Amino acid sequence: MEKLSTRDVLFPQVIIFADFGNKLHSKFVILIQNEYLCTLMKMLSYIQLLRPLQWLKNTFVFAPVFFSSNLLRGEYFWPTLVVFGSFCLISSSIYCFNDLQDVEADRQHPKKCHRPIASGAVSVMGGYTLMLICTIGAFALLPLAKSSNTPYLYIIIAAYWLMNMAYCVKLKQYAILDVSIIAIGFVMRVLIGGLATDIWISHWLVMMTFLVTLFLALTKRNDDYRLYEQTRQKPRISITGYNKTFINEATAIVASVTLVCYIMYTMSEEVIARMGTRYVYLTSGWVLAGLLRYLQNMIVFGLSGSPTKSLVKDHFIQFCVLGWIASFFVIIYL
């Protein structure tokens, strides 16, 4: 038989109350931890809704300042950074609206069903609220650029927002038009980067931006069509305007035109005079290798998917991009 201590005999109520208090404290700590975890998961769902990985696309705003040899000058870098932030917010606003528009279709999709709104992690009201905050924030950032072209910055951000609203509601249902709008959106990124810094943008840069992003958009449609063949479910309405042969041939044509255009750009007298060197053409090898790798991923491995994910995960493409940037940096800045 267990022997009771003097304390247990004299103060039994105190011991019982202490035990009850310890249990209550443990439950309270667990409750707080659960609340903290729920809040953290909620925050992560809202961050996921913003699609921060897609912000890599907005680095196109740095193209004018990079190719003009002004990337390392603060008076040029700061306005570009501001419009980059503005584009990140406005694009996240569009992603919110797109997920709200496609919520029912996304719930039937094998991958998109995990998106925050489709999965129920973020409410419809929460999606609209975040969309409004991002839209207001995008316009509120622009005065910080302190650019003489600030009114034009507002016009481009507004035009981009309206174009993509129309894209989400209706225009993405039409084949070819859908990928063209995506490419135009990247051209607008380059334009706003030039306007923010008052740097003249050559027709070569506009053409190259449109062609490269059109190529990437077509490879994404290849991924959508492959999914359609496997499941017989349309990942997007416009997919009926595509087939495997058309996508492969269109992608090859655009890739060829892109490469020829790039070589002409590097050897043009205008570019040679502006950059002060005839060796820009040496960067063409990186472009060719990158295009071939992307075509290999699409046709051979079936890994086209998201261009952003390919850039993040494919080490060969990363090597080509870094090699291209490093080559240009050496030619222009050193």
C-alpha atoms as a PDB file:
ATOM      1  CA  MET A   1       0.000   0.000   0.000  1.00  0.00           C
ATOM      2  CA  GLU A   2       1.367   3.438  -1.048  1.00  0.00           C
ATOM      3  CA  LYS A   3       2.283   5.621   1.872  1.00  0.00           C
ATOM      4  CA  LEU A   4       0.778   9.134   1.784  1.00  0.00           C
ATOM      5  CA  SER A   5       2.932  12.092   2.579  1.00  0.00           C
ATOM      6  CA  THR A   6       2.017  14.629   5.225  1.00  0.00           C
ATOM      7  CA  ARG A   7       1.306  17.168   2.492  1.00  0.00           C
ATOM      8  CA  ASP A   8      -1.154  14.795   0.789  1.00  0.00           C
ATOM      9  CA  VAL A   9      -2.997  14.203   4.077  1.00  0.00           C
ATOM     10  CA  LEU A  10      -3.175  17.806   5.227  1.00  0.00           C
ATOM     11  CA  PHE A  11      -3.865  19.500   1.852  1.00  0.00           C
ATOM     12  CA  PRO A  12      -5.760  17.049  -0.408  1.00  0.00           C
ATOM     13  CA  GLN A  13      -7.886  19.794  -2.041  1.00  0.00           C
ATOM     14  CA  VAL A  14      -4.774  21.746  -2.954  1.00  0.00           C
ATOM     15  CA  ILE A  15      -3.268  18.707  -4.675  1.00  0.00           C
ATOM     16  CA  ILE A  16      -6.478  18.003  -6.618  1.00  0.00           C
ATOM     17  CA  PHE A  17      -6.764  21.643  -7.673  1.00  0.00           C
ATOM     18  CA  ALA A  18      -3.100  21.689  -8.769  1.00  0.00           C
ATOM     19  CA  ASP A  19      -3.585  18.572 -10.895  1.00  0.00           C
ATOM     20  CA  PHE A  20      -6.695  20.092 -12.446  1.00  0.00           C
ATOM     21  CA  GLY A  21      -4.784  23.295 -13.114  1.00  0.00           C
ATOM     22  CA  ASN A  22      -1.944  21.425 -14.835  1.00  0.00           C
ATOM     23  CA  LYS A  23      -4.391  19.566 -17.094  1.00  0.00           C
ATOM     24  CA  LEU A  24      -6.228  22.794 -17.911  1.00  0.00           C
ATOM     25  CA  HIS A  25      -2.937  24.505 -18.726  1.00  0.00           C
ATOM     26  CA  SER A  26      -1.931  21.643 -21.044  1.00  0.00           C
ATOM     27  CA  LYS A  27      -5.247  21.833 -22.885  1.00  0.00           C
ATOM     28  CA  PHE A  28      -4.940  25.605 -23.127  1.00  0.00           C
ATOM     29  CA  VAL A  29      -1.413  25.306 -24.600  1.00  0.00           C
ATOM     30  CA  ILE A  30      -2.653  22.729 -27.138  1.00  0.00           C
ATOM     31  CA  LEU A  31      -5.557  25.029 -28.038  1.00  0.00           C
ATOM     32  CA  ILE A  32      -3.200  27.974 -28.546  1.00  0.00           C
ATOM     33  CA  GLN A  33      -0.888  25.817 -30.682  1.00  0.00           C
ATOM     34  CA  ASN A  34      -3.819  24.642 -32.825  1.00  0.00           C
ATOM     35  CA  GLU A  35      -5.025  28.222 -33.253  1.00  0.00           C
ATOM     36  CA  TYR A  36      -1.516  29.316 -34.233  1.00  0.00           C
ATOM     37  CA  LEU A  37      -1.222  26.445 -36.710  1.00  0.00           C
ATOM     38  CA  CYS A  38      -4.615  27.251 -38.248  1.00  0.00           C
ATOM     39  CA  THR A  39      -3.647  30.910 -38.599  1.00  0.00           C
ATOM     40  CA  LEU A  40      -0.328  29.977 -40.189  1.00  0.00           C
ATOM     41  CA  MET A  41      -2.014  27.611 -42.660  1.00  0.00           C
ATOM     42  CA  LYS A  42      -4.533  30.322 -43.511  1.00  0.00           C
ATOM     43  CA  MET A  43      -1.732  32.800 -44.187  1.00  0.00           C
ATOM     44  CA  LEU A  44       0.071  30.268 -46.374  1.00  0.00           C
ATOM     45  CA  SER A  45      -3.138  29.703 -48.359  1.00  0.00           C
ATOM     46  CA  TYR A  46      -3.458  33.444 -49.013  1.00  0.00           C
ATOM     47  CA  ILE A  47       0.218  33.606 -50.042  1.00  0.00           C
ATOM     48  CA  GLN A  48      -0.347  30.643 -52.366  1.00  0.00           C
ATOM     49  CA  LEU A  49      -3.302  32.486 -53.903  1.00  0.00           C
ATOM     50  CA  LEU A  50      -0.924  35.337 -54.794  1.00  0.00           C
ATOM     51  CA  ARG A  51       1.298  32.867 -56.716  1.00  0.00           C
ATOM     52  CA  PRO A  52       4.616  34.518 -55.749  1.00  0.00           C
ATOM     53  CA  LEU A  53       6.546  32.034 -57.920  1.00  0.00           C
ATOM     54  CA  GLN A  54       4.912  33.649 -60.965  1.00  0.00           C
ATOM     55  CA  TRP A  55       6.467  36.986 -60.018  1.00  0.00           C
ATOM     56  CA  LEU A  56       9.578  35.775 -61.838  1.00  0.00           C
ATOM     57  CA  LYS A  57       7.731  36.723 -65.041  1.00  0.00           C
ATOM     58  CA  ASN A  58       7.771  40.347 -63.953  1.00  0.00           C
ATOM     59  CA  THR A  59      11.575  40.507 -64.156  1.00  0.00           C
ATOM     60  CA  PHE A  60      10.970  41.460 -67.808  1.00  0.00           C
ATOM     61  CA  VAL A  61      10.547  45.035 -66.526  1.00  0.00           C
ATOM     62  CA  PHE A  62      14.309  45.041 -65.915  1.00  0.00           C
ATOM     63  CA  ALA A  63      15.093  44.363 -69.591  1.00  0.00           C
ATOM     64  CA  PRO A  64      15.361  48.040 -70.688  1.00  0.00           C
ATOM     65  CA  VAL A  65      17.633  49.079 -67.830  1.00  0.00           C
ATOM     66  CA  PHE A  66      19.770  45.948 -68.264  1.00  0.00           C
ATOM     67  CA  PHE A  67      20.302  46.299 -72.017  1.00  0.00           C
ATOM     68  CA  SER A  68      20.951  50.039 -71.721  1.00  0.00           C
ATOM     69  CA  SER A  69      23.936  49.406 -69.390  1.00  0.00           C
ATOM     70  CA  ASN A  70      22.216  51.244 -66.513  1.00  0.00           C
ATOM     71  CA  LEU A  71      21.343  48.330 -64.208  1.00  0.00           C
ATOM     72  CA  LEU A  72      23.950  49.322 -61.607  1.00  0.00           C
ATOM     73  CA  ARG A  73      22.863  52.968 -61.441  1.00  0.00           C
ATOM     74  CA  GLY A  74      20.490  53.720 -58.569  1.00  0.00           C
ATOM     75  CA  GLU A  75      18.503  56.423 -60.385  1.00  0.00           C
ATOM     76  CA  TYR A  76      17.508  53.781 -62.943  1.00  0.00           C
ATOM     77  CA  PHE A  77      17.306  50.719 -60.714  1.00  0.00           C
ATOM     78  CA  TRP A  78      14.905  52.231 -58.148  1.00  0.00           C
ATOM     79  CA  PRO A  79      12.077  53.184 -60.585  1.00  0.00           C
ATOM     80  CA  THR A  80      12.390  49.751 -62.206  1.00  0.00           C
ATOM     81  CA  LEU A  81      12.140  48.062 -58.806  1.00  0.00           C
ATOM     82  CA  VAL A  82       8.991  50.061 -58.028  1.00  0.00           C
ATOM     83  CA  VAL A  83       7.209  49.076 -61.241  1.00  0.00           C
ATOM     84  CA  PHE A  84       8.344  45.490 -60.660  1.00  0.00           C
ATOM     85  CA  GLY A  85       6.552  45.555 -57.301  1.00  0.00           C
ATOM     86  CA  SER A  86       3.517  47.163 -58.906  1.00  0.00           C
ATOM     87  CA  PHE A  87       3.370  44.469 -61.577  1.00  0.00           C
ATOM     88  CA  CYS A  88       3.715  41.745 -58.941  1.00  0.00           C
ATOM     89  CA  LEU A  89       0.681  43.119 -57.112  1.00  0.00           C
ATOM     90  CA  ILE A  90      -1.458  43.663 -60.212  1.00  0.00           C
ATOM     91  CA  SER A  91      -0.640  40.187 -61.556  1.00  0.00           C
ATOM     92  CA  SER A  92      -1.535  38.652 -58.176  1.00  0.00           C
ATOM     93  CA  SER A  93      -4.814  40.551 -58.319  1.00  0.00           C
ATOM     94  CA  ILE A  94      -5.514  38.930 -61.692  1.00  0.00           C
ATOM     95  CA  TYR A  95      -4.594  35.480 -60.364  1.00  0.00           C
ATOM     96  CA  CYS A  96      -7.135  35.962 -57.567  1.00  0.00           C
ATOM     97  CA  PHE A  97      -9.818  36.934 -60.070  1.00  0.00           C
ATOM     98  CA  ASN A  98      -8.920  34.031 -62.356  1.00  0.00           C
ATOM     99  CA  ASP A  99      -9.240  31.523 -59.508  1.00  0.00           C
ATOM    100  CA  LEU A 100     -12.577  33.047 -58.519  1.00  0.00           C
ATOM    101  CA  GLN A 101     -13.837  32.785 -62.091  1.00  0.00           C
ATOM    102  CA  ASP A 102     -12.640  29.210 -62.582  1.00  0.00           C
ATOM    103  CA  VAL A 103     -13.414  27.821 -59.132  1.00  0.00           C
ATOM    104  CA  GLU A 104     -15.936  25.209 -60.336  1.00  0.00           C
ATOM    105  CA  ALA A 105     -13.762  24.066 -63.260  1.00  0.00           C
ATOM    106  CA  ASP A 106     -10.676  23.938 -61.010  1.00  0.00           C
ATOM    107  CA  ARG A 107     -12.446  21.579 -58.608  1.00  0.00           C
ATOM    108  CA  GLN A 108     -12.741  19.063 -61.459  1.00  0.00           C
ATOM    109  CA  HIS A 109      -9.084  19.450 -62.485  1.00  0.00           C
ATOM    110  CA  PRO A 110      -6.564  16.879 -61.109  1.00  0.00           C
ATOM    111  CA  LYS A 111      -4.002  19.576 -60.199  1.00  0.00           C
ATOM    112  CA  LYS A 112      -5.904  22.839 -60.001  1.00  0.00           C
ATOM    113  CA  CYS A 113      -8.304  21.382 -57.418  1.00  0.00           C
ATOM    114  CA  HIS A 114      -5.602  22.081 -54.822  1.00  0.00           C
ATOM    115  CA  ARG A 115      -5.700  25.823 -55.431  1.00  0.00           C
ATOM    116  CA  PRO A 116      -6.715  27.776 -52.295  1.00  0.00           C
ATOM    117  CA  ILE A 117     -10.192  28.851 -53.425  1.00  0.00           C
ATOM    118  CA  ALA A 118     -11.044  25.593 -55.209  1.00  0.00           C
ATOM    119  CA  SER A 119      -9.996  23.562 -52.175  1.00  0.00           C
ATOM    120  CA  GLY A 120     -11.904  25.822 -49.776  1.00  0.00           C
ATOM    121  CA  ALA A 121      -8.788  26.982 -47.921  1.00  0.00           C
ATOM    122  CA  VAL A 122      -9.676  30.574 -48.881  1.00  0.00           C
ATOM    123  CA  SER A 123     -13.274  31.776 -49.084  1.00  0.00           C
ATOM    124  CA  VAL A 124     -14.727  33.564 -52.096  1.00  0.00           C
ATOM    125  CA  MET A 125     -15.029  36.745 -50.032  1.00  0.00           C
ATOM    126  CA  GLY A 126     -11.408  36.367 -48.940  1.00  0.00           C
ATOM    127  CA  GLY A 127     -10.368  36.038 -52.577  1.00  0.00           C
ATOM    128  CA  TYR A 128     -12.181  39.225 -53.605  1.00  0.00           C
ATOM    129  CA  THR A 129     -10.744  41.091 -50.613  1.00  0.00           C
ATOM    130  CA  LEU A 130      -7.186  40.073 -51.460  1.00  0.00           C
ATOM    131  CA  MET A 131      -7.786  40.975 -55.099  1.00  0.00           C
ATOM    132  CA  LEU A 132      -8.933  44.479 -54.117  1.00  0.00           C
ATOM    133  CA  ILE A 133      -5.956  45.001 -51.785  1.00  0.00           C
ATOM    134  CA  CYS A 134      -3.481  43.969 -54.494  1.00  0.00           C
ATOM    135  CA  THR A 135      -5.145  46.194 -57.111  1.00  0.00           C
ATOM    136  CA  ILE A 136      -5.085  49.266 -54.878  1.00  0.00           C
ATOM    137  CA  GLY A 137      -1.503  48.493 -53.809  1.00  0.00           C
ATOM    138  CA  ALA A 138      -0.324  48.228 -57.426  1.00  0.00           C
ATOM    139  CA  PHE A 139      -1.544  51.733 -58.256  1.00  0.00           C
ATOM    140  CA  ALA A 140      -0.430  53.155 -54.897  1.00  0.00           C
ATOM    141  CA  LEU A 141       3.179  52.110 -55.504  1.00  0.00           C
ATOM    142  CA  LEU A 142       3.627  53.965 -58.807  1.00  0.00           C
ATOM    143  CA  PRO A 143       4.243  57.499 -57.413  1.00  0.00           C
ATOM    144  CA  LEU A 144       7.270  56.080 -55.580  1.00  0.00           C
ATOM    145  CA  ALA A 145       8.992  55.629 -58.945  1.00  0.00           C
ATOM    146  CA  LYS A 146       9.269  59.446 -59.177  1.00  0.00           C
ATOM    147  CA  SER A 147       9.228  59.162 -62.938  1.00  0.00           C
ATOM    148  CA  SER A 148       8.396  61.929 -65.397  1.00  0.00           C
ATOM    149  CA  ASN A 149       6.211  59.349 -67.159  1.00  0.00           C
ATOM    150  CA  THR A 150       4.109  58.403 -64.117  1.00  0.00           C
ATOM    151  CA  PRO A 151       0.750  59.046 -65.916  1.00  0.00           C
ATOM    152  CA  TYR A 152       1.783  56.520 -68.580  1.00  0.00           C
ATOM    153  CA  LEU A 153       2.684  54.025 -65.867  1.00  0.00           C
ATOM    154  CA  TYR A 154      -0.894  54.250 -64.580  1.00  0.00           C
ATOM    155  CA  ILE A 155      -2.201  53.740 -68.108  1.00  0.00           C
ATOM    156  CA  ILE A 156      -0.133  50.583 -68.680  1.00  0.00           C
ATOM    157  CA  ILE A 157      -1.052  49.039 -65.324  1.00  0.00           C
ATOM    158  CA  ALA A 158      -4.739  49.838 -65.924  1.00  0.00           C
ATOM    159  CA  ALA A 159      -4.602  48.513 -69.496  1.00  0.00           C
ATOM    160  CA  TYR A 160      -2.868  45.329 -68.325  1.00  0.00           C
ATOM    161  CA  TRP A 161      -5.488  44.834 -65.617  1.00  0.00           C
ATOM    162  CA  LEU A 162      -8.420  45.391 -67.987  1.00  0.00           C
ATOM    163  CA  MET A 163      -6.931  43.179 -70.696  1.00  0.00           C
ATOM    164  CA  ASN A 164      -6.444  40.323 -68.269  1.00  0.00           C
ATOM    165  CA  MET A 165      -9.885  40.764 -66.743  1.00  0.00           C
ATOM    166  CA  ALA A 166     -11.299  40.328 -70.246  1.00  0.00           C
ATOM    167  CA  TYR A 167      -8.952  37.379 -70.738  1.00  0.00           C
ATOM    168  CA  CYS A 168     -10.203  35.659 -67.574  1.00  0.00           C
ATOM    169  CA  VAL A 169     -13.865  36.275 -68.399  1.00  0.00           C
ATOM    170  CA  LYS A 170     -13.970  35.514 -72.128  1.00  0.00           C
ATOM    171  CA  LEU A 171     -10.874  35.927 -74.293  1.00  0.00           C
ATOM    172  CA  LYS A 172      -9.024  32.870 -72.965  1.00  0.00           C
ATOM    173  CA  GLN A 173     -11.688  30.717 -74.606  1.00  0.00           C
ATOM    174  CA  TYR A 174     -10.320  31.499 -78.089  1.00  0.00           C
ATOM    175  CA  ALA A 175      -7.318  29.572 -79.389  1.00  0.00           C
ATOM    176  CA  ILE A 176      -4.303  31.604 -80.621  1.00  0.00           C
ATOM    177  CA  LEU A 177      -5.835  34.775 -79.153  1.00  0.00           C
ATOM    178  CA  ASP A 178      -5.219  33.370 -75.675  1.00  0.00           C
ATOM    179  CA  VAL A 179      -1.467  32.879 -76.187  1.00  0.00           C
ATOM    180  CA  SER A 180      -1.181  36.199 -78.039  1.00  0.00           C
ATOM    181  CA  ILE A 181      -2.639  38.075 -75.055  1.00  0.00           C
ATOM    182  CA  ILE A 182      -0.125  36.390 -72.765  1.00  0.00           C
ATOM    183  CA  ALA A 183       2.732  37.539 -75.025  1.00  0.00           C
ATOM    184  CA  ILE A 184       1.321  41.085 -75.206  1.00  0.00           C
ATOM    185  CA  GLY A 185       1.286  41.148 -71.407  1.00  0.00           C
ATOM    186  CA  PHE A 186       5.048  40.573 -71.366  1.00  0.00           C
ATOM    187  CA  VAL A 187       5.591  43.318 -73.927  1.00  0.00           C
ATOM    188  CA  MET A 188       3.695  45.645 -71.576  1.00  0.00           C
ATOM    189  CA  ARG A 189       6.128  44.689 -68.802  1.00  0.00           C
ATOM    190  CA  VAL A 190       9.041  45.753 -70.980  1.00  0.00           C
ATOM    191  CA  LEU A 191       7.290  48.991 -71.971  1.00  0.00           C
ATOM    192  CA  ILE A 192       6.602  50.010 -68.375  1.00  0.00           C
ATOM    193  CA  GLY A 193      10.243  49.298 -67.486  1.00  0.00           C
ATOM    194  CA  GLY A 194      11.354  51.658 -70.250  1.00  0.00           C
ATOM    195  CA  LEU A 195       8.840  54.381 -69.383  1.00  0.00           C
ATOM    196  CA  ALA A 196       9.688  54.303 -65.669  1.00  0.00           C
ATOM    197  CA  THR A 197      13.348  55.024 -66.446  1.00  0.00           C
ATOM    198  CA  ASP A 198      12.781  57.099 -69.592  1.00  0.00           C
ATOM    199  CA  ILE A 199      14.849  54.621 -71.606  1.00  0.00           C
ATOM    200  CA  TRP A 200      14.077  54.259 -75.291  1.00  0.00           C
ATOM    201  CA  ILE A 201      12.949  50.739 -76.185  1.00  0.00           C
ATOM    202  CA  SER A 202      14.028  49.372 -79.535  1.00  0.00           C
ATOM    203  CA  HIS A 203      11.716  47.461 -81.844  1.00  0.00           C
ATOM    204  CA  TRP A 204      14.119  44.534 -81.501  1.00  0.00           C
ATOM    205  CA  LEU A 205      13.431  44.214 -77.775  1.00  0.00           C
ATOM    206  CA  VAL A 206       9.672  44.395 -78.324  1.00  0.00           C
ATOM    207  CA  MET A 207       9.789  41.728 -81.046  1.00  0.00           C
ATOM    208  CA  MET A 208      12.050  39.425 -79.043  1.00  0.00           C
ATOM    209  CA  THR A 209       9.869  39.688 -75.962  1.00  0.00           C
ATOM    210  CA  PHE A 210       6.710  38.904 -77.917  1.00  0.00           C
ATOM    211  CA  LEU A 211       8.245  35.930 -79.743  1.00  0.00           C
ATOM    212  CA  VAL A 212       9.919  34.324 -76.720  1.00  0.00           C
ATOM    213  CA  THR A 213       6.804  34.555 -74.559  1.00  0.00           C
ATOM    214  CA  LEU A 214       4.578  33.358 -77.411  1.00  0.00           C
ATOM    215  CA  PHE A 215       6.872  30.329 -77.665  1.00  0.00           C
ATOM    216  CA  LEU A 216       6.551  29.644 -73.933  1.00  0.00           C
ATOM    217  CA  ALA A 217       2.759  30.048 -74.040  1.00  0.00           C
ATOM    218  CA  LEU A 218       2.508  27.524 -76.890  1.00  0.00           C
ATOM    219  CA  THR A 219       4.556  24.961 -74.960  1.00  0.00           C
ATOM    220  CA  LYS A 220       2.138  25.376 -72.057  1.00  0.00           C
ATOM    221  CA  ARG A 221      -0.766  24.610 -74.414  1.00  0.00           C
ATOM    222  CA  ASN A 222       1.043  21.427 -75.375  1.00  0.00           C
ATOM    223  CA  ASP A 223       0.920  20.379 -71.733  1.00  0.00           C
ATOM    224  CA  ASP A 224      -2.798  21.212 -71.563  1.00  0.00           C
ATOM    225  CA  TYR A 225      -3.524  19.185 -74.696  1.00  0.00           C
ATOM    226  CA  ARG A 226      -1.608  16.183 -73.355  1.00  0.00           C
ATOM    227  CA  LEU A 227      -3.735  16.301 -70.223  1.00  0.00           C
ATOM    228  CA  TYR A 228      -6.868  16.562 -72.381  1.00  0.00           C
ATOM    229  CA  GLU A 229      -5.807  13.441 -74.320  1.00  0.00           C
ATOM    230  CA  GLN A 230      -5.259  11.483 -71.114  1.00  0.00           C
ATOM    231  CA  THR A 231      -8.400  12.485 -69.205  1.00  0.00           C
ATOM    232  CA  ARG A 232     -10.754  13.731 -71.969  1.00  0.00           C
ATOM    233  CA  GLN A 233     -11.454  16.662 -69.654  1.00  0.00           C
ATOM    234  CA  LYS A 234     -10.804  20.138 -71.021  1.00  0.00           C
ATOM    235  CA  PRO A 235      -8.322  21.988 -68.792  1.00  0.00           C
ATOM    236  CA  ARG A 236      -9.400  25.125 -70.682  1.00  0.00           C
ATOM    237  CA  ILE A 237     -12.085  25.800 -73.296  1.00  0.00           C
ATOM    238  CA  SER A 238      -9.594  27.005 -75.919  1.00  0.00           C
ATOM    239  CA  ILE A 239      -7.907  23.592 -76.004  1.00  0.00           C
ATOM    240  CA  THR A 240     -10.410  22.422 -78.640  1.00  0.00           C
ATOM    241  CA  GLY A 241      -8.721  24.874 -81.037  1.00  0.00           C
ATOM    242  CA  TYR A 242      -5.419  23.035 -80.691  1.00  0.00           C
ATOM    243  CA  ASN A 243      -4.086  19.598 -81.448  1.00  0.00           C
ATOM    244  CA  LYS A 244      -0.700  17.947 -81.055  1.00  0.00           C
ATOM    245  CA  THR A 245       0.414  18.489 -84.663  1.00  0.00           C
ATOM    246  CA  PHE A 246      -0.560  22.157 -84.709  1.00  0.00           C
ATOM    247  CA  ILE A 247       1.124  22.894 -81.370  1.00  0.00           C
ATOM    248  CA  ASN A 248       4.367  21.147 -82.332  1.00  0.00           C
ATOM    249  CA  GLU A 249       4.568  22.874 -85.724  1.00  0.00           C
ATOM    250  CA  ALA A 250       3.546  26.297 -84.384  1.00  0.00           C
ATOM    251  CA  THR A 251       6.089  26.005 -81.574  1.00  0.00           C
ATOM    252  CA  ALA A 252       8.857  25.009 -84.006  1.00  0.00           C
ATOM    253  CA  ILE A 253       7.997  27.933 -86.310  1.00  0.00           C
ATOM    254  CA  VAL A 254       7.985  30.465 -83.480  1.00  0.00           C
ATOM    255  CA  ALA A 255      11.239  29.045 -82.078  1.00  0.00           C
ATOM    256  CA  SER A 256      12.892  29.386 -85.512  1.00  0.00           C
ATOM    257  CA  VAL A 257      11.660  32.947 -86.013  1.00  0.00           C
ATOM    258  CA  THR A 258      12.778  33.821 -82.478  1.00  0.00           C
ATOM    259  CA  LEU A 259      16.296  32.549 -83.088  1.00  0.00           C
ATOM    260  CA  VAL A 260      16.627  34.302 -86.472  1.00  0.00           C
ATOM    261  CA  CYS A 261      15.263  37.537 -84.988  1.00  0.00           C
ATOM    262  CA  TYR A 262      17.702  37.309 -82.082  1.00  0.00           C
ATOM    263  CA  ILE A 263      20.696  36.777 -84.381  1.00  0.00           C
ATOM    264  CA  MET A 264      19.601  39.731 -86.529  1.00  0.00           C
ATOM    265  CA  TYR A 265      19.274  41.796 -83.349  1.00  0.00           C
ATOM    266  CA  THR A 266      22.793  40.949 -82.161  1.00  0.00           C
ATOM    267  CA  MET A 267      24.303  41.801 -85.580  1.00  0.00           C
ATOM    268  CA  SER A 268      22.329  44.971 -86.318  1.00  0.00           C
ATOM    269  CA  GLU A 269      24.366  48.172 -86.679  1.00  0.00           C
ATOM    270  CA  GLU A 270      22.015  49.953 -84.297  1.00  0.00           C
ATOM    271  CA  VAL A 271      22.731  47.504 -81.458  1.00  0.00           C
ATOM    272  CA  ILE A 272      26.455  47.396 -82.182  1.00  0.00           C
ATOM    273  CA  ALA A 273      26.622  51.209 -82.045  1.00  0.00           C
ATOM    274  CA  ARG A 274      24.595  51.459 -78.848  1.00  0.00           C
ATOM    275  CA  MET A 275      26.519  48.742 -76.976  1.00  0.00           C
ATOM    276  CA  GLY A 276      29.888  49.670 -78.405  1.00  0.00           C
ATOM    277  CA  THR A 277      30.852  46.117 -79.338  1.00  0.00           C
ATOM    278  CA  ARG A 278      30.418  43.632 -82.177  1.00  0.00           C
ATOM    279  CA  TYR A 279      30.511  40.587 -79.922  1.00  0.00           C
ATOM    280  CA  VAL A 280      26.869  40.514 -78.848  1.00  0.00           C
ATOM    281  CA  TYR A 281      26.249  37.755 -81.401  1.00  0.00           C
ATOM    282  CA  LEU A 282      28.271  35.403 -79.169  1.00  0.00           C
ATOM    283  CA  THR A 283      25.273  35.179 -76.817  1.00  0.00           C
ATOM    284  CA  SER A 284      23.215  33.448 -79.537  1.00  0.00           C
ATOM    285  CA  GLY A 285      24.520  30.029 -78.517  1.00  0.00           C
ATOM    286  CA  TRP A 286      22.808  30.279 -75.130  1.00  0.00           C
ATOM    287  CA  VAL A 287      19.519  31.181 -76.789  1.00  0.00           C
ATOM    288  CA  LEU A 288      19.732  28.254 -79.212  1.00  0.00           C
ATOM    289  CA  ALA A 289      20.584  25.798 -76.421  1.00  0.00           C
ATOM    290  CA  GLY A 290      17.719  27.079 -74.260  1.00  0.00           C
ATOM    291  CA  LEU A 291      15.174  26.796 -77.077  1.00  0.00           C
ATOM    292  CA  LEU A 292      16.312  23.280 -77.960  1.00  0.00           C
ATOM    293  CA  ARG A 293      16.126  22.173 -74.348  1.00  0.00           C
ATOM    294  CA  TYR A 294      12.630  23.538 -73.990  1.00  0.00           C
ATOM    295  CA  LEU A 295      11.554  21.742 -77.181  1.00  0.00           C
ATOM    296  CA  GLN A 296      13.154  18.560 -75.864  1.00  0.00           C
ATOM    297  CA  ASN A 297      11.222  18.867 -72.609  1.00  0.00           C
ATOM    298  CA  MET A 298       7.997  19.412 -74.533  1.00  0.00           C
ATOM    299  CA  ILE A 299       8.293  16.809 -77.310  1.00  0.00           C
ATOM    300  CA  VAL A 300      10.512  14.098 -75.814  1.00  0.00           C
ATOM    301  CA  PHE A 301       9.908  14.237 -72.078  1.00  0.00           C
ATOM    302  CA  GLY A 302       6.473  15.867 -71.957  1.00  0.00           C
ATOM    303  CA  LEU A 303       7.669  18.244 -69.243  1.00  0.00           C
ATOM    304  CA  SER A 304       6.692  21.611 -70.737  1.00  0.00           C
ATOM    305  CA  GLY A 305       4.086  22.607 -68.157  1.00  0.00           C
ATOM    306  CA  SER A 306       4.640  25.912 -66.449  1.00  0.00           C
ATOM    307  CA  PRO A 307       7.550  27.961 -67.868  1.00  0.00           C
ATOM    308  CA  THR A 308       8.205  29.312 -64.383  1.00  0.00           C
ATOM    309  CA  LYS A 309       8.524  25.829 -62.894  1.00  0.00           C
ATOM    310  CA  SER A 310      10.789  24.778 -65.761  1.00  0.00           C
ATOM    311  CA  LEU A 311      13.044  27.735 -65.021  1.00  0.00           C
ATOM    312  CA  VAL A 312      13.140  26.845 -61.322  1.00  0.00           C
ATOM    313  CA  LYS A 313      13.602  23.070 -61.690  1.00  0.00           C
ATOM    314  CA  ASP A 314      15.471  22.451 -64.958  1.00  0.00           C
ATOM    315  CA  HIS A 315      19.204  22.831 -64.294  1.00  0.00           C
ATOM    316  CA  PHE A 316      20.101  22.885 -67.984  1.00  0.00           C
ATOM    317  CA  ILE A 317      17.752  25.815 -68.648  1.00  0.00           C
ATOM    318  CA  GLN A 318      19.047  27.543 -65.531  1.00  0.00           C
ATOM    319  CA  PHE A 319      22.596  27.115 -66.851  1.00  0.00           C
ATOM    320  CA  CYS A 320      21.601  28.588 -70.231  1.00  0.00           C
ATOM    321  CA  VAL A 321      19.830  31.572 -68.661  1.00  0.00           C
ATOM    322  CA  LEU A 322      22.686  32.308 -66.258  1.00  0.00           C
ATOM    323  CA  GLY A 323      25.234  31.863 -69.043  1.00  0.00           C
ATOM    324  CA  TRP A 324      23.297  34.244 -71.279  1.00  0.00           C
ATOM    325  CA  ILE A 325      23.002  36.865 -68.518  1.00  0.00           C
ATOM    326  CA  ALA A 326      26.673  36.498 -67.575  1.00  0.00           C
ATOM    327  CA  SER A 327      27.766  36.818 -71.218  1.00  0.00           C
ATOM    328  CA  PHE A 328      25.716  39.963 -71.704  1.00  0.00           C
ATOM    329  CA  PHE A 329      26.968  41.378 -68.413  1.00  0.00           C
ATOM    330  CA  VAL A 330      30.580  40.871 -69.459  1.00  0.00           C
ATOM    331  CA  ILE A 331      29.999  42.319 -72.942  1.00  0.00           C
ATOM    332  CA  ILE A 332      28.023  45.359 -71.779  1.00  0.00           C
ATOM    333  CA  TYR A 333      29.420  46.218 -68.355  1.00  0.00           C
ATOM    334  CA  LEU A 334      33.061  45.104 -68.441  1.00  0.00           C
END
